[in-house]
Amino acid sequence: MSSKVRVVLLVLYFIVSCKSVETDKNENQLEAFNTEKLTLIATEKYEKNFILEYNSNKDFALCIHKNKSNIPGPESINFFVYDLSSDIITYESNISKGSVSWNSEYEIKMEEIPGTIQKNMQQADIYILNVITNTRTKKNGDIR
């Protein structure tokens, strides 16, 4: 290979490498800014009593607030889903008794415990929320 071709390839490699580093830096700064904004939103809504759980790609966050109760048993839960790439709340709800957690990369499991559990009755209603399509599906197939 001639020395001119080597120099041109070296210069192109350097330019592409610099662009990649700059892009990564900008994405990290944006992610940090959106995470700070998410924390601020959660603090405004729930003061200091909240938990942030991220999906494995860290492009969505689940903010969970358990309401304190003087009555023993499951606590009511307020929660919202935050899209870090779009910088918006995509879903917000509450469950009077139950739990909320990540089920998979883009699905959240919501379990609602009924007030009175009777014999031969399902113990809890389980819903799956797809955070991409924003659809909620009951485990037995109903879509809401």
Protein backbone atom coordinates (compact mmCIF):
# COMPACT_ATOMS: atom_id res chain seq x y z
CA MET A 1 0.00 0.00 0.00
CA SER A 2 1.32 3.43 -0.80
CA SER A 3 2.10 5.85 1.96
CA LYS A 4 -0.54 8.33 0.70
CA VAL A 5 -3.28 5.72 1.05
CA ARG A 6 -2.05 4.83 4.54
CA VAL A 7 -2.11 8.48 5.59
CA VAL A 8 -5.63 8.96 4.19
CA LEU A 9 -6.86 5.82 5.99
CA LEU A 10 -5.21 6.93 9.22
CA VAL A 11 -6.83 10.39 8.99
CA LEU A 12 -10.26 8.84 8.27
CA TYR A 13 -9.87 6.47 11.21
CA PHE A 14 -8.98 9.39 13.48
CA ILE A 15 -11.99 11.44 12.32
CA VAL A 16 -14.41 8.54 12.80
CA SER A 17 -12.97 7.78 16.25
CA CYS A 18 -13.32 11.39 17.37
CA LYS A 19 -16.92 11.53 16.16
CA SER A 20 -17.75 8.33 18.06
CA VAL A 21 -16.24 9.66 21.30
CA GLU A 22 -18.11 12.95 20.90
CA THR A 23 -21.41 11.13 20.29
CA ASP A 24 -20.90 8.93 23.37
CA LYS A 25 -20.08 12.00 25.46
CA ASN A 26 -23.24 13.81 24.29
CA GLU A 27 -25.42 10.74 24.96
CA ASN A 28 -23.95 10.36 28.47
CA GLN A 29 -24.59 14.04 29.21
CA LEU A 30 -28.18 13.75 27.97
CA GLU A 31 -28.75 10.57 30.02
CA ALA A 32 -27.38 12.27 33.15
CA PHE A 33 -29.58 15.33 32.55
CA ASN A 34 -32.71 13.19 32.03
CA THR A 35 -31.91 11.13 35.15
CA GLU A 36 -31.61 14.34 37.18
CA LYS A 37 -34.90 15.59 35.74
CA LEU A 38 -36.56 12.25 36.57
CA THR A 39 -35.34 12.49 40.16
CA LEU A 40 -36.66 16.05 40.38
CA ILE A 41 -40.09 15.00 39.05
CA ALA A 42 -40.24 12.06 41.48
CA THR A 43 -39.25 14.34 44.38
CA GLU A 44 -41.96 16.86 43.45
CA LYS A 45 -44.59 14.10 43.32
CA TYR A 46 -43.56 11.93 46.26
CA GLU A 47 -40.99 13.95 48.25
CA LYS A 48 -38.26 11.51 49.31
CA ASN A 49 -40.43 8.41 49.60
CA PHE A 50 -39.87 6.73 46.21
CA ILE A 51 -37.82 4.05 44.50
CA LEU A 52 -36.45 4.32 40.96
CA GLU A 53 -35.99 1.07 39.06
CA TYR A 54 -34.50 1.07 35.55
CA ASN A 55 -34.90 -1.53 32.83
CA SER A 56 -31.64 -3.19 31.77
CA ASN A 57 -31.09 -0.79 28.84
CA LYS A 58 -31.72 2.15 31.18
CA ASP A 59 -33.98 3.83 28.65
CA PHE A 60 -37.09 3.51 30.86
CA ALA A 61 -37.52 4.02 34.59
CA LEU A 62 -40.23 2.87 36.96
CA CYS A 63 -40.83 5.23 39.87
CA ILE A 64 -42.65 3.58 42.78
CA HIS A 65 -44.17 5.32 45.80
CA LYS A 66 -45.68 3.20 48.57
CA ASN A 67 -48.21 5.09 50.67
CA LYS A 68 -47.67 4.70 54.39
CA SER A 69 -50.62 3.21 56.24
CA ASN A 70 -51.38 2.63 59.91
CA ILE A 71 -53.31 -0.51 58.96
CA PRO A 72 -51.22 -3.69 58.65
CA GLY A 73 -51.18 -5.34 55.22
CA PRO A 74 -50.33 -4.39 51.68
CA GLU A 75 -49.77 -0.70 51.04
CA SER A 76 -51.30 1.28 48.22
CA ILE A 77 -48.84 2.19 45.46
CA ASN A 78 -48.59 5.17 43.16
CA PHE A 79 -46.22 4.79 40.23
CA PHE A 80 -45.21 6.16 36.87
CA VAL A 81 -43.10 5.05 33.92
CA TYR A 82 -40.58 7.54 32.55
CA ASP A 83 -39.06 7.34 29.07
CA LEU A 84 -35.52 8.68 29.47
CA SER A 85 -34.91 9.01 25.72
CA SER A 86 -38.10 11.07 25.14
CA ASP A 87 -37.90 12.73 28.56
CA ILE A 88 -41.60 12.20 29.39
CA ILE A 89 -43.89 10.27 31.72
CA THR A 90 -45.52 7.63 29.50
CA TYR A 91 -47.81 5.96 32.04
CA GLU A 92 -49.06 6.82 35.52
CA SER A 93 -51.39 4.90 37.81
CA ASN A 94 -52.04 3.61 41.30
CA ILE A 95 -52.85 0.26 42.86
CA SER A 96 -54.79 0.12 46.12
CA LYS A 97 -53.08 -3.11 47.24
CA GLY A 98 -50.45 -5.10 45.40
CA SER A 99 -47.10 -4.68 43.73
CA VAL A 100 -45.39 -3.24 40.66
CA SER A 101 -42.09 -4.41 39.16
CA TRP A 102 -40.20 -4.95 35.92
CA ASN A 103 -41.25 -8.22 34.28
CA SER A 104 -38.92 -8.01 31.27
CA GLU A 105 -36.98 -5.41 29.28
CA TYR A 106 -40.08 -3.46 28.22
CA GLU A 107 -42.84 -4.95 30.36
CA ILE A 108 -44.03 -4.08 33.84
CA LYS A 109 -45.97 -6.52 36.01
CA MET A 110 -48.79 -4.99 38.05
CA GLU A 111 -50.40 -7.21 40.66
CA GLU A 112 -53.63 -6.03 42.30
CA ILE A 113 -54.87 -7.84 45.40
CA PRO A 114 -58.67 -7.71 45.85
CA GLY A 115 -60.13 -6.41 49.11
CA THR A 116 -61.75 -9.69 50.09
CA ILE A 117 -60.29 -12.98 48.93
CA GLN A 118 -62.88 -15.73 48.70
CA LYS A 119 -62.53 -19.47 48.30
CA ASN A 120 -62.07 -20.63 44.67
CA MET A 121 -61.25 -17.08 43.65
CA GLN A 122 -58.08 -15.84 42.06
CA GLN A 123 -55.75 -14.37 44.71
CA ALA A 124 -54.73 -11.36 42.58
CA ASP A 125 -55.34 -9.71 39.23
CA ILE A 126 -52.11 -9.56 37.26
CA TYR A 127 -51.59 -7.11 34.40
CA ILE A 128 -48.63 -6.65 32.08
CA LEU A 129 -47.90 -3.13 30.83
CA ASN A 130 -45.88 -2.87 27.64
CA VAL A 131 -44.00 0.43 28.00
CA ILE A 132 -43.33 0.70 24.25
CA THR A 133 -46.95 0.37 23.09
CA ASN A 134 -48.44 1.57 26.39
CA THR A 135 -50.94 -1.30 26.41
CA ARG A 136 -52.05 -3.08 29.55
CA THR A 137 -52.93 -6.78 29.20
CA LYS A 138 -54.59 -8.90 31.86
CA LYS A 139 -52.77 -12.20 32.35
CA ASN A 140 -55.84 -14.12 31.16
CA GLY A 141 -55.92 -12.16 27.91
CA ASP A 142 -58.06 -9.01 28.33
CA ILE A 143 -56.48 -5.88 26.80
CA ARG A 144 -57.11 -2.46 28.31
